[in-house]
Amino acid sequence: MKPFGSPAKMKLFRHGDEVLQLPNFHGSTYLCQDIFHRFGLRIDHSKMIYLTQYPGLFKVRISTLKGAKEVARMWARRIGQVGLLVAISALGSALASWLHWSAIPGSLLGLGLLYAALQLGWLPLSWVEEGANWLLRHLLLFFVPSAVGILQYTGLLRFEGWRIATTIVASTALVMAVTGITIDGAHRIRQLLRAWRIARRRVGKAC
């Protein structure tokens, strides 16, 4: 059994699949269980080990089948929740068109419907939370089409560009401020409700 050196000389990467970079000792392809125990890795029937030899090192990829299933479930939840949010937005647009409310965007009306459903308990937060968080993380991608479309109106930008820029900056700052205050207030209310529920349970157990 040939040693693979000290753990300090090895690189361990943890992103998705667990990956080990091992030095190549005299072309030996023998992997001892000790090397996995050093990094706290457990090799069982739920994991597949892939060994690839490179000049000067071996690359070992440990693919966790359970992890792959969890990733698939996570993306299925995200797609389903994003689809639900799109359906609520479409419902708001249809309602605005049916009521002839041209002054109120359908997406804004859909947002109001979503808020009402969450507050009244008709829609559990867990049904939309993960999908909404994913959309917020990638929100900037949705502005790319509109930013590219601005190039078609260079004449307007030349004469009214400063007014448009001022409006964008002011409205963005206002939206950020209002959003921050709203989220902070909602977070505090959520913490207070959670603390109240915990205190109520403790009082109930004490009685």
N, C-alpha and C. Protein backbone atom coordinates (compact mmCIF):
# COMPACT_ATOMS: atom_id res chain seq x y z
N MET A 1 0.84 -1.19 0.00
CA MET A 1 0.00 0.00 0.00
C MET A 1 0.88 1.25 0.00
N LYS A 2 0.79 2.04 -1.02
CA LYS A 2 1.60 3.24 -1.11
C LYS A 2 0.83 4.44 -0.60
N PRO A 3 1.48 5.27 0.21
CA PRO A 3 0.77 6.43 0.75
C PRO A 3 0.55 7.49 -0.31
N PHE A 4 -0.43 8.33 -0.10
CA PHE A 4 -0.74 9.43 -1.02
C PHE A 4 -0.29 10.77 -0.45
N GLY A 5 0.57 10.77 0.58
CA GLY A 5 1.06 12.04 1.10
C GLY A 5 0.14 12.61 2.16
N SER A 6 0.55 13.74 2.69
CA SER A 6 -0.23 14.38 3.76
C SER A 6 -1.41 15.13 3.17
N PRO A 7 -2.50 15.31 3.94
CA PRO A 7 -3.66 16.04 3.44
C PRO A 7 -3.34 17.48 3.06
N ALA A 8 -2.27 18.06 3.65
CA ALA A 8 -1.93 19.44 3.34
C ALA A 8 -1.49 19.60 1.89
N LYS A 9 -0.98 18.52 1.28
CA LYS A 9 -0.50 18.60 -0.10
C LYS A 9 -1.61 18.31 -1.11
N MET A 10 -2.78 18.01 -0.62
CA MET A 10 -3.88 17.65 -1.50
C MET A 10 -4.93 18.75 -1.52
N LYS A 11 -5.61 18.87 -2.62
CA LYS A 11 -6.64 19.88 -2.76
C LYS A 11 -8.00 19.20 -2.76
N LEU A 12 -8.87 19.70 -1.95
CA LEU A 12 -10.23 19.16 -1.87
C LEU A 12 -11.21 20.22 -2.31
N PHE A 13 -11.99 19.93 -3.32
CA PHE A 13 -12.97 20.86 -3.83
C PHE A 13 -14.36 20.29 -3.54
N ARG A 14 -15.24 21.13 -3.02
CA ARG A 14 -16.61 20.71 -2.74
C ARG A 14 -17.56 21.66 -3.45
N HIS A 15 -17.99 21.28 -4.63
CA HIS A 15 -18.99 22.06 -5.36
C HIS A 15 -19.79 21.07 -6.19
N GLY A 16 -20.97 20.74 -5.75
CA GLY A 16 -21.73 19.70 -6.43
C GLY A 16 -21.13 18.35 -6.08
N ASP A 17 -20.44 17.75 -7.03
CA ASP A 17 -19.74 16.50 -6.77
C ASP A 17 -18.50 16.77 -5.93
N GLU A 18 -18.14 15.83 -5.08
CA GLU A 18 -16.93 15.96 -4.27
C GLU A 18 -15.73 15.54 -5.12
N VAL A 19 -14.72 16.38 -5.21
CA VAL A 19 -13.58 16.14 -6.08
C VAL A 19 -12.31 16.16 -5.26
N LEU A 20 -11.45 15.17 -5.48
CA LEU A 20 -10.14 15.12 -4.84
C LEU A 20 -9.06 15.21 -5.91
N GLN A 21 -8.04 16.02 -5.67
CA GLN A 21 -6.86 16.05 -6.51
C GLN A 21 -5.74 15.32 -5.76
N LEU A 22 -5.31 14.17 -6.27
CA LEU A 22 -4.32 13.35 -5.58
C LEU A 22 -3.02 13.33 -6.37
N PRO A 23 -1.86 13.42 -5.71
CA PRO A 23 -0.59 13.31 -6.42
C PRO A 23 -0.42 11.93 -7.02
N ASN A 24 0.29 11.85 -8.11
CA ASN A 24 0.56 10.58 -8.79
C ASN A 24 1.89 10.03 -8.27
N PHE A 25 1.83 8.96 -7.46
CA PHE A 25 3.03 8.37 -6.89
C PHE A 25 3.43 7.15 -7.72
N HIS A 26 4.43 7.31 -8.57
CA HIS A 26 5.01 6.22 -9.36
C HIS A 26 3.96 5.50 -10.19
N GLY A 27 2.99 6.23 -10.68
CA GLY A 27 1.98 5.63 -11.54
C GLY A 27 1.03 4.70 -10.83
N SER A 28 0.99 4.73 -9.51
CA SER A 28 0.13 3.82 -8.77
C SER A 28 -1.32 4.28 -8.88
N THR A 29 -2.21 3.35 -9.18
CA THR A 29 -3.63 3.67 -9.26
C THR A 29 -4.40 3.11 -8.07
N TYR A 30 -3.67 2.71 -7.03
CA TYR A 30 -4.33 2.11 -5.87
C TYR A 30 -4.87 3.20 -4.97
N LEU A 31 -6.15 3.16 -4.70
CA LEU A 31 -6.79 4.12 -3.80
C LEU A 31 -7.15 3.41 -2.50
N CYS A 32 -6.57 3.81 -1.41
CA CYS A 32 -6.90 3.20 -0.13
C CYS A 32 -8.05 3.97 0.52
N GLN A 33 -8.80 3.29 1.36
CA GLN A 33 -9.93 3.92 2.03
C GLN A 33 -9.48 5.03 2.97
N ASP A 34 -8.24 4.95 3.43
CA ASP A 34 -7.77 5.94 4.40
C ASP A 34 -7.80 7.35 3.83
N ILE A 35 -7.55 7.49 2.53
CA ILE A 35 -7.50 8.83 1.93
C ILE A 35 -8.86 9.49 1.98
N PHE A 36 -9.93 8.69 1.90
CA PHE A 36 -11.27 9.26 1.97
C PHE A 36 -11.64 9.60 3.41
N HIS A 37 -11.19 8.76 4.35
CA HIS A 37 -11.49 9.03 5.76
C HIS A 37 -10.80 10.29 6.24
N ARG A 38 -9.64 10.62 5.66
CA ARG A 38 -8.93 11.83 6.08
C ARG A 38 -9.76 13.08 5.81
N PHE A 39 -10.52 13.05 4.74
CA PHE A 39 -11.33 14.20 4.38
C PHE A 39 -12.78 14.05 4.83
N GLY A 40 -13.05 13.03 5.63
CA GLY A 40 -14.39 12.86 6.15
C GLY A 40 -15.38 12.36 5.12
N LEU A 41 -14.90 11.66 4.08
CA LEU A 41 -15.79 11.16 3.03
C LEU A 41 -16.17 9.72 3.33
N ARG A 42 -17.41 9.39 3.09
CA ARG A 42 -17.89 8.02 3.27
C ARG A 42 -18.23 7.45 1.90
N ILE A 43 -17.66 6.29 1.62
CA ILE A 43 -17.92 5.62 0.35
C ILE A 43 -18.90 4.50 0.60
N ASP A 44 -20.09 4.60 0.03
CA ASP A 44 -21.08 3.55 0.19
C ASP A 44 -21.72 3.29 -1.17
N HIS A 45 -22.79 2.52 -1.16
CA HIS A 45 -23.41 2.12 -2.43
C HIS A 45 -24.14 3.26 -3.12
N SER A 46 -24.31 4.38 -2.43
CA SER A 46 -25.02 5.51 -3.04
C SER A 46 -24.07 6.44 -3.80
N LYS A 47 -22.77 6.08 -3.87
CA LYS A 47 -21.80 6.95 -4.53
C LYS A 47 -21.07 6.18 -5.63
N MET A 48 -20.77 6.86 -6.72
CA MET A 48 -19.99 6.32 -7.83
C MET A 48 -18.64 7.00 -7.84
N ILE A 49 -17.55 6.23 -7.98
CA ILE A 49 -16.20 6.78 -7.96
C ILE A 49 -15.64 6.73 -9.38
N TYR A 50 -15.16 7.87 -9.88
CA TYR A 50 -14.57 7.96 -11.20
C TYR A 50 -13.11 8.36 -11.04
N LEU A 51 -12.20 7.58 -11.62
CA LEU A 51 -10.77 7.83 -11.51
C LEU A 51 -10.22 8.16 -12.89
N THR A 52 -9.58 9.31 -13.01
CA THR A 52 -8.96 9.75 -14.27
C THR A 52 -7.51 10.10 -13.99
N GLN A 53 -6.59 9.59 -14.82
CA GLN A 53 -5.17 9.84 -14.61
C GLN A 53 -4.72 11.00 -15.48
N TYR A 54 -4.04 11.98 -14.87
CA TYR A 54 -3.46 13.12 -15.55
C TYR A 54 -1.96 13.11 -15.32
N PRO A 55 -1.19 13.85 -16.11
CA PRO A 55 0.26 13.92 -15.86
C PRO A 55 0.54 14.50 -14.48
N GLY A 56 1.10 13.66 -13.61
CA GLY A 56 1.49 14.12 -12.29
C GLY A 56 0.44 13.99 -11.22
N LEU A 57 -0.78 13.60 -11.57
CA LEU A 57 -1.80 13.46 -10.53
C LEU A 57 -2.93 12.58 -11.01
N PHE A 58 -3.73 12.14 -10.06
CA PHE A 58 -4.98 11.45 -10.33
C PHE A 58 -6.13 12.37 -9.95
N LYS A 59 -7.18 12.35 -10.72
CA LYS A 59 -8.38 13.09 -10.38
C LYS A 59 -9.48 12.09 -10.05
N VAL A 60 -9.98 12.19 -8.84
CA VAL A 60 -11.02 11.29 -8.39
C VAL A 60 -12.31 12.08 -8.23
N ARG A 61 -13.35 11.67 -8.91
CA ARG A 61 -14.65 12.33 -8.79
C ARG A 61 -15.62 11.37 -8.13
N ILE A 62 -16.21 11.81 -7.06
CA ILE A 62 -17.18 11.00 -6.32
C ILE A 62 -18.56 11.58 -6.58
N SER A 63 -19.33 10.92 -7.40
CA SER A 63 -20.66 11.41 -7.75
C SER A 63 -21.68 10.83 -6.79
N THR A 64 -22.36 11.68 -6.07
CA THR A 64 -23.36 11.24 -5.11
C THR A 64 -24.71 11.12 -5.80
N LEU A 65 -25.21 9.91 -5.88
CA LEU A 65 -26.50 9.69 -6.55
C LEU A 65 -27.63 10.35 -5.78
N LYS A 66 -27.56 10.32 -4.44
CA LYS A 66 -28.59 10.96 -3.65
C LYS A 66 -28.58 12.47 -3.88
N GLY A 67 -27.37 13.03 -4.00
CA GLY A 67 -27.26 14.46 -4.27
C GLY A 67 -27.86 14.83 -5.61
N ALA A 68 -27.66 13.97 -6.63
CA ALA A 68 -28.24 14.24 -7.95
C ALA A 68 -29.76 14.23 -7.89
N LYS A 69 -30.32 13.33 -7.11
CA LYS A 69 -31.78 13.29 -6.97
C LYS A 69 -32.29 14.54 -6.28
N GLU A 70 -31.54 15.01 -5.28
CA GLU A 70 -31.95 16.23 -4.58
C GLU A 70 -31.90 17.43 -5.51
N VAL A 71 -30.87 17.50 -6.36
CA VAL A 71 -30.78 18.60 -7.32
C VAL A 71 -31.94 18.55 -8.29
N ALA A 72 -32.30 17.34 -8.76
CA ALA A 72 -33.43 17.20 -9.68
C ALA A 72 -34.73 17.65 -9.01
N ARG A 73 -34.91 17.26 -7.75
CA ARG A 73 -36.12 17.69 -7.03
C ARG A 73 -36.14 19.21 -6.84
N MET A 74 -34.96 19.78 -6.55
CA MET A 74 -34.88 21.22 -6.34
C MET A 74 -35.29 21.97 -7.60
N TRP A 75 -34.76 21.54 -8.76
CA TRP A 75 -35.11 22.22 -10.01
C TRP A 75 -36.56 21.98 -10.39
N ALA A 76 -37.10 20.81 -10.06
CA ALA A 76 -38.52 20.56 -10.32
C ALA A 76 -39.38 21.50 -9.48
N ARG A 77 -38.99 21.70 -8.21
CA ARG A 77 -39.73 22.64 -7.36
C ARG A 77 -39.64 24.06 -7.91
N ARG A 78 -38.44 24.47 -8.31
CA ARG A 78 -38.28 25.82 -8.83
C ARG A 78 -39.11 26.04 -10.09
N ILE A 79 -39.07 25.09 -11.01
CA ILE A 79 -39.83 25.24 -12.25
C ILE A 79 -41.33 25.29 -11.95
N GLY A 80 -41.79 24.42 -11.05
CA GLY A 80 -43.20 24.43 -10.69
C GLY A 80 -43.63 25.72 -10.02
N GLN A 81 -42.79 26.24 -9.12
CA GLN A 81 -43.15 27.47 -8.42
C GLN A 81 -43.09 28.68 -9.34
N VAL A 82 -42.09 28.72 -10.24
CA VAL A 82 -42.04 29.81 -11.22
C VAL A 82 -43.26 29.74 -12.14
N GLY A 83 -43.65 28.53 -12.53
CA GLY A 83 -44.85 28.38 -13.34
C GLY A 83 -46.09 28.87 -12.63
N LEU A 84 -46.17 28.61 -11.32
CA LEU A 84 -47.31 29.10 -10.53
C LEU A 84 -47.32 30.62 -10.48
N LEU A 85 -46.15 31.24 -10.31
CA LEU A 85 -46.07 32.70 -10.29
C LEU A 85 -46.47 33.29 -11.64
N VAL A 86 -46.04 32.64 -12.73
CA VAL A 86 -46.42 33.11 -14.07
C VAL A 86 -47.93 32.98 -14.26
N ALA A 87 -48.51 31.89 -13.76
CA ALA A 87 -49.96 31.70 -13.88
C ALA A 87 -50.72 32.78 -13.10
N ILE A 88 -50.23 33.15 -11.92
CA ILE A 88 -50.89 34.21 -11.15
C ILE A 88 -50.77 35.55 -11.87
N SER A 89 -49.59 35.80 -12.47
CA SER A 89 -49.42 37.03 -13.24
C SER A 89 -50.36 37.06 -14.45
N ALA A 90 -50.50 35.92 -15.13
CA ALA A 90 -51.43 35.84 -16.26
C ALA A 90 -52.87 36.04 -15.81
N LEU A 91 -53.20 35.52 -14.63
CA LEU A 91 -54.55 35.72 -14.08
C LEU A 91 -54.80 37.20 -13.81
N GLY A 92 -53.79 37.89 -13.29
CA GLY A 92 -53.93 39.33 -13.07
C GLY A 92 -54.11 40.10 -14.36
N SER A 93 -53.36 39.71 -15.41
CA SER A 93 -53.51 40.37 -16.72
C SER A 93 -54.90 40.12 -17.30
N ALA A 94 -55.38 38.88 -17.17
CA ALA A 94 -56.72 38.58 -17.68
C ALA A 94 -57.79 39.34 -16.90
N LEU A 95 -57.61 39.46 -15.60
CA LEU A 95 -58.58 40.20 -14.78
C LEU A 95 -58.58 41.68 -15.12
N ALA A 96 -57.39 42.25 -15.34
CA ALA A 96 -57.30 43.66 -15.71
C ALA A 96 -57.94 43.91 -17.07
N SER A 97 -57.76 42.97 -18.01
CA SER A 97 -58.38 43.11 -19.33
C SER A 97 -59.89 42.97 -19.25
N TRP A 98 -60.36 42.05 -18.41
CA TRP A 98 -61.81 41.83 -18.29
C TRP A 98 -62.49 43.02 -17.62
N LEU A 99 -61.82 43.64 -16.64
CA LEU A 99 -62.39 44.79 -15.94
C LEU A 99 -62.10 46.11 -16.63
N HIS A 100 -61.34 46.05 -17.74
CA HIS A 100 -60.97 47.25 -18.51
C HIS A 100 -60.21 48.26 -17.63
N TRP A 101 -59.28 47.72 -16.83
CA TRP A 101 -58.43 48.58 -16.00
C TRP A 101 -57.12 48.82 -16.72
N SER A 102 -57.16 49.69 -17.69
CA SER A 102 -55.95 49.95 -18.48
C SER A 102 -54.90 50.72 -17.68
N ALA A 103 -55.33 51.42 -16.62
CA ALA A 103 -54.37 52.21 -15.83
C ALA A 103 -53.53 51.33 -14.91
N ILE A 104 -53.99 50.12 -14.61
CA ILE A 104 -53.27 49.22 -13.71
C ILE A 104 -52.69 48.07 -14.52
N PRO A 105 -51.38 47.89 -14.52
CA PRO A 105 -50.78 46.76 -15.25
C PRO A 105 -51.27 45.43 -14.68
N GLY A 106 -51.46 44.47 -15.58
CA GLY A 106 -51.93 43.16 -15.14
C GLY A 106 -50.96 42.46 -14.21
N SER A 107 -49.65 42.66 -14.44
CA SER A 107 -48.66 42.03 -13.56
C SER A 107 -48.75 42.59 -12.14
N LEU A 108 -49.03 43.90 -12.04
CA LEU A 108 -49.18 44.51 -10.71
C LEU A 108 -50.43 43.98 -10.01
N LEU A 109 -51.50 43.80 -10.78
CA LEU A 109 -52.71 43.22 -10.20
C LEU A 109 -52.47 41.77 -9.76
N GLY A 110 -51.70 41.03 -10.57
CA GLY A 110 -51.34 39.67 -10.18
C GLY A 110 -50.50 39.64 -8.91
N LEU A 111 -49.61 40.63 -8.76
CA LEU A 111 -48.83 40.73 -7.53
C LEU A 111 -49.72 40.97 -6.32
N GLY A 112 -50.75 41.81 -6.51
CA GLY A 112 -51.70 42.04 -5.43
C GLY A 112 -52.48 40.78 -5.08
N LEU A 113 -52.86 40.01 -6.11
CA LEU A 113 -53.56 38.74 -5.85
C LEU A 113 -52.67 37.77 -5.09
N LEU A 114 -51.39 37.73 -5.47
CA LEU A 114 -50.45 36.85 -4.77
C LEU A 114 -50.29 37.25 -3.31
N TYR A 115 -50.17 38.54 -3.07
CA TYR A 115 -50.03 39.03 -1.69
C TYR A 115 -51.28 38.71 -0.87
N ALA A 116 -52.45 38.91 -1.46
CA ALA A 116 -53.69 38.62 -0.74
C ALA A 116 -53.81 37.13 -0.43
N ALA A 117 -53.44 36.28 -1.40
CA ALA A 117 -53.51 34.83 -1.18
C ALA A 117 -52.55 34.39 -0.09
N LEU A 118 -51.37 35.00 -0.02
CA LEU A 118 -50.41 34.65 1.02
C LEU A 118 -50.88 35.12 2.39
N GLN A 119 -51.41 36.33 2.46
CA GLN A 119 -51.85 36.87 3.74
C GLN A 119 -53.07 36.15 4.29
N LEU A 120 -53.97 35.75 3.40
CA LEU A 120 -55.19 35.07 3.83
C LEU A 120 -54.97 33.58 4.08
N GLY A 121 -53.79 33.09 3.76
CA GLY A 121 -53.50 31.69 3.99
C GLY A 121 -54.01 30.76 2.92
N TRP A 122 -54.50 31.31 1.81
CA TRP A 122 -54.98 30.46 0.72
C TRP A 122 -53.82 29.79 -0.01
N LEU A 123 -52.67 30.43 0.00
CA LEU A 123 -51.50 29.92 -0.69
C LEU A 123 -50.34 29.83 0.31
N PRO A 124 -49.83 28.64 0.60
CA PRO A 124 -48.69 28.53 1.53
C PRO A 124 -47.44 29.18 0.94
N LEU A 125 -46.67 29.82 1.80
CA LEU A 125 -45.45 30.49 1.35
C LEU A 125 -44.46 29.51 0.75
N SER A 126 -44.43 28.29 1.25
CA SER A 126 -43.48 27.29 0.75
C SER A 126 -43.74 26.91 -0.70
N TRP A 127 -44.94 27.21 -1.22
CA TRP A 127 -45.27 26.89 -2.60
C TRP A 127 -44.62 27.84 -3.60
N VAL A 128 -44.21 29.01 -3.15
CA VAL A 128 -43.67 30.01 -4.09
C VAL A 128 -42.33 30.58 -3.62
N GLU A 129 -41.90 30.30 -2.40
CA GLU A 129 -40.72 30.97 -1.83
C GLU A 129 -39.45 30.65 -2.60
N GLU A 130 -39.21 29.38 -2.88
CA GLU A 130 -37.96 29.00 -3.55
C GLU A 130 -37.91 29.53 -4.98
N GLY A 131 -39.02 29.44 -5.70
CA GLY A 131 -39.06 29.98 -7.05
C GLY A 131 -38.90 31.49 -7.08
N ALA A 132 -39.52 32.18 -6.12
CA ALA A 132 -39.39 33.64 -6.05
C ALA A 132 -37.96 34.05 -5.73
N ASN A 133 -37.30 33.33 -4.82
CA ASN A 133 -35.91 33.64 -4.50
C ASN A 133 -35.00 33.44 -5.70
N TRP A 134 -35.27 32.39 -6.48
CA TRP A 134 -34.47 32.15 -7.69
C TRP A 134 -34.66 33.28 -8.71
N LEU A 135 -35.90 33.74 -8.88
CA LEU A 135 -36.16 34.85 -9.80
C LEU A 135 -35.47 36.13 -9.33
N LEU A 136 -35.47 36.38 -8.03
CA LEU A 136 -34.81 37.58 -7.51
C LEU A 136 -33.31 37.53 -7.72
N ARG A 137 -32.72 36.33 -7.60
CA ARG A 137 -31.28 36.21 -7.80
C ARG A 137 -30.87 36.47 -9.24
N HIS A 138 -31.76 36.19 -10.18
CA HIS A 138 -31.45 36.36 -11.60
C HIS A 138 -32.30 37.47 -12.23
N LEU A 139 -32.67 38.44 -11.42
CA LEU A 139 -33.56 39.50 -11.88
C LEU A 139 -32.94 40.34 -12.99
N LEU A 140 -31.62 40.56 -12.94
CA LEU A 140 -30.97 41.42 -13.93
C LEU A 140 -31.08 40.87 -15.34
N LEU A 141 -31.19 39.55 -15.48
CA LEU A 141 -31.29 38.96 -16.82
C LEU A 141 -32.55 39.41 -17.55
N PHE A 142 -33.60 39.74 -16.81
CA PHE A 142 -34.86 40.13 -17.44
C PHE A 142 -34.81 41.56 -17.99
N PHE A 143 -33.78 42.32 -17.63
CA PHE A 143 -33.64 43.68 -18.16
C PHE A 143 -32.81 43.73 -19.43
N VAL A 144 -32.21 42.61 -19.84
CA VAL A 144 -31.37 42.61 -21.04
C VAL A 144 -32.18 42.93 -22.29
N PRO A 145 -33.35 42.33 -22.55
CA PRO A 145 -34.10 42.68 -23.77
C PRO A 145 -34.47 44.15 -23.85
N SER A 146 -34.92 44.74 -22.74
CA SER A 146 -35.29 46.15 -22.76
C SER A 146 -34.07 47.04 -22.96
N ALA A 147 -32.93 46.65 -22.38
CA ALA A 147 -31.71 47.45 -22.56
C ALA A 147 -31.24 47.41 -24.00
N VAL A 148 -31.35 46.25 -24.65
CA VAL A 148 -30.97 46.15 -26.06
C VAL A 148 -31.95 46.93 -26.94
N GLY A 149 -33.24 46.94 -26.58
CA GLY A 149 -34.23 47.67 -27.37
C GLY A 149 -34.05 49.17 -27.36
N ILE A 150 -33.33 49.69 -26.35
CA ILE A 150 -33.09 51.14 -26.29
C ILE A 150 -32.28 51.62 -27.48
N LEU A 151 -31.44 50.75 -28.04
CA LEU A 151 -30.58 51.14 -29.16
C LEU A 151 -31.38 51.55 -30.39
N GLN A 152 -32.65 51.18 -30.46
CA GLN A 152 -33.48 51.57 -31.59
C GLN A 152 -33.98 53.01 -31.49
N TYR A 153 -33.77 53.65 -30.35
CA TYR A 153 -34.28 55.01 -30.14
C TYR A 153 -33.13 55.96 -29.78
N THR A 154 -32.10 55.95 -30.61
CA THR A 154 -30.94 56.82 -30.34
C THR A 154 -31.31 58.30 -30.45
N GLY A 155 -32.24 58.64 -31.36
CA GLY A 155 -32.66 60.03 -31.49
C GLY A 155 -33.34 60.54 -30.24
N LEU A 156 -34.20 59.73 -29.67
CA LEU A 156 -34.87 60.11 -28.43
C LEU A 156 -33.87 60.27 -27.29
N LEU A 157 -32.90 59.37 -27.23
CA LEU A 157 -31.89 59.45 -26.18
C LEU A 157 -31.04 60.71 -26.33
N ARG A 158 -30.82 61.14 -27.57
CA ARG A 158 -29.98 62.31 -27.79
C ARG A 158 -30.62 63.58 -27.23
N PHE A 159 -31.94 63.69 -27.33
CA PHE A 159 -32.63 64.92 -26.90
C PHE A 159 -33.23 64.79 -25.49
N GLU A 160 -33.70 63.63 -25.14
CA GLU A 160 -34.38 63.44 -23.85
C GLU A 160 -33.61 62.49 -22.93
N GLY A 161 -32.37 62.22 -23.25
CA GLY A 161 -31.60 61.23 -22.48
C GLY A 161 -31.42 61.61 -21.03
N TRP A 162 -31.15 62.91 -20.78
CA TRP A 162 -30.89 63.32 -19.40
C TRP A 162 -32.14 63.21 -18.53
N ARG A 163 -33.31 63.50 -19.14
CA ARG A 163 -34.55 63.35 -18.38
C ARG A 163 -34.85 61.88 -18.07
N ILE A 164 -34.63 61.04 -19.08
CA ILE A 164 -34.85 59.60 -18.87
C ILE A 164 -33.91 59.06 -17.80
N ALA A 165 -32.64 59.48 -17.87
CA ALA A 165 -31.65 59.01 -16.89
C ALA A 165 -32.01 59.47 -15.48
N THR A 166 -32.45 60.74 -15.37
CA THR A 166 -32.84 61.25 -14.05
C THR A 166 -34.03 60.49 -13.49
N THR A 167 -35.01 60.22 -14.36
CA THR A 167 -36.19 59.46 -13.92
C THR A 167 -35.81 58.05 -13.48
N ILE A 168 -34.93 57.41 -14.25
CA ILE A 168 -34.52 56.04 -13.91
C ILE A 168 -33.78 56.01 -12.58
N VAL A 169 -32.85 56.94 -12.39
CA VAL A 169 -32.07 56.96 -11.15
C VAL A 169 -32.97 57.24 -9.95
N ALA A 170 -33.86 58.24 -10.09
CA ALA A 170 -34.74 58.59 -8.97
C ALA A 170 -35.72 57.46 -8.65
N SER A 171 -36.32 56.87 -9.68
CA SER A 171 -37.28 55.80 -9.43
C SER A 171 -36.59 54.56 -8.87
N THR A 172 -35.37 54.27 -9.34
CA THR A 172 -34.63 53.12 -8.82
C THR A 172 -34.30 53.31 -7.34
N ALA A 173 -33.85 54.52 -6.99
CA ALA A 173 -33.54 54.80 -5.58
C ALA A 173 -34.79 54.71 -4.72
N LEU A 174 -35.91 55.21 -5.24
CA LEU A 174 -37.16 55.15 -4.48
C LEU A 174 -37.62 53.71 -4.28
N VAL A 175 -37.53 52.91 -5.36
CA VAL A 175 -37.94 51.51 -5.27
C VAL A 175 -37.05 50.75 -4.29
N MET A 176 -35.74 51.00 -4.34
CA MET A 176 -34.82 50.33 -3.43
C MET A 176 -35.11 50.70 -1.98
N ALA A 177 -35.39 51.98 -1.74
CA ALA A 177 -35.68 52.42 -0.37
C ALA A 177 -36.97 51.80 0.15
N VAL A 178 -38.03 51.87 -0.67
CA VAL A 178 -39.32 51.32 -0.24
C VAL A 178 -39.22 49.80 -0.07
N THR A 179 -38.53 49.13 -0.99
CA THR A 179 -38.38 47.68 -0.88
C THR A 179 -37.61 47.29 0.36
N GLY A 180 -36.51 48.02 0.63
CA GLY A 180 -35.73 47.73 1.83
C GLY A 180 -36.53 47.92 3.10
N ILE A 181 -37.27 49.02 3.18
CA ILE A 181 -38.09 49.28 4.37
C ILE A 181 -39.17 48.22 4.53
N THR A 182 -39.80 47.85 3.40
CA THR A 182 -40.87 46.84 3.46
C THR A 182 -40.34 45.49 3.88
N ILE A 183 -39.22 45.06 3.29
CA ILE A 183 -38.66 43.76 3.63
C ILE A 183 -38.19 43.73 5.07
N ASP A 184 -37.57 44.83 5.51
CA ASP A 184 -37.10 44.89 6.90
C ASP A 184 -38.29 44.81 7.87
N GLY A 185 -39.35 45.54 7.56
CA GLY A 185 -40.54 45.49 8.42
C GLY A 185 -41.18 44.12 8.42
N ALA A 186 -41.27 43.49 7.24
CA ALA A 186 -41.86 42.15 7.16
C ALA A 186 -41.01 41.14 7.91
N HIS A 187 -39.68 41.28 7.83
CA HIS A 187 -38.80 40.36 8.55
C HIS A 187 -38.97 40.51 10.05
N ARG A 188 -39.09 41.74 10.52
CA ARG A 188 -39.28 41.96 11.95
C ARG A 188 -40.62 41.40 12.43
N ILE A 189 -41.66 41.61 11.62
CA ILE A 189 -42.97 41.06 11.99
C ILE A 189 -42.93 39.54 12.03
N ARG A 190 -42.21 38.96 11.07
CA ARG A 190 -42.09 37.51 11.03
C ARG A 190 -41.35 36.99 12.26
N GLN A 191 -40.29 37.68 12.67
CA GLN A 191 -39.56 37.27 13.87
C GLN A 191 -40.42 37.41 15.12
N LEU A 192 -41.19 38.49 15.20
CA LEU A 192 -42.07 38.68 16.36
C LEU A 192 -43.14 37.60 16.43
N LEU A 193 -43.72 37.24 15.28
CA LEU A 193 -44.72 36.18 15.26
C LEU A 193 -44.12 34.84 15.66
N ARG A 194 -42.90 34.58 15.18
CA ARG A 194 -42.25 33.33 15.55
C ARG A 194 -41.95 33.28 17.04
N ALA A 195 -41.46 34.41 17.59
CA ALA A 195 -41.19 34.45 19.03
C ALA A 195 -42.48 34.31 19.83
N TRP A 196 -43.57 34.90 19.33
CA TRP A 196 -44.86 34.79 20.02
C TRP A 196 -45.36 33.34 20.02
N ARG A 197 -45.19 32.65 18.88
CA ARG A 197 -45.62 31.25 18.81
C ARG A 197 -44.80 30.39 19.77
N ILE A 198 -43.47 30.63 19.81
CA ILE A 198 -42.62 29.84 20.71
C ILE A 198 -43.00 30.08 22.16
N ALA A 199 -43.24 31.37 22.52
CA ALA A 199 -43.63 31.68 23.89
C ALA A 199 -44.98 31.05 24.23
N ARG A 200 -45.88 31.04 23.27
CA ARG A 200 -47.20 30.45 23.52
C ARG A 200 -47.09 28.94 23.74
N ARG A 201 -46.21 28.28 22.97
CA ARG A 201 -46.02 26.84 23.17
C ARG A 201 -45.43 26.54 24.53
N ARG A 202 -44.46 27.37 24.94
CA ARG A 202 -43.84 27.14 26.25
C ARG A 202 -44.84 27.33 27.38
N VAL A 203 -45.69 28.36 27.25
CA VAL A 203 -46.71 28.58 28.27
C VAL A 203 -47.69 27.42 28.30
N GLY A 204 -48.05 26.91 27.11
CA GLY A 204 -48.96 25.77 27.06
C GLY A 204 -48.37 24.52 27.68
N LYS A 205 -47.07 24.29 27.45
CA LYS A 205 -46.43 23.12 28.06
C LYS A 205 -46.30 23.28 29.57
N ALA A 206 -46.05 24.52 30.02
CA ALA A 206 -45.91 24.76 31.46
C ALA A 206 -47.23 24.54 32.19
N CYS A 207 -48.34 24.89 31.51
CA CYS A 207 -49.64 24.70 32.14
C CYS A 207 -50.06 23.23 32.11
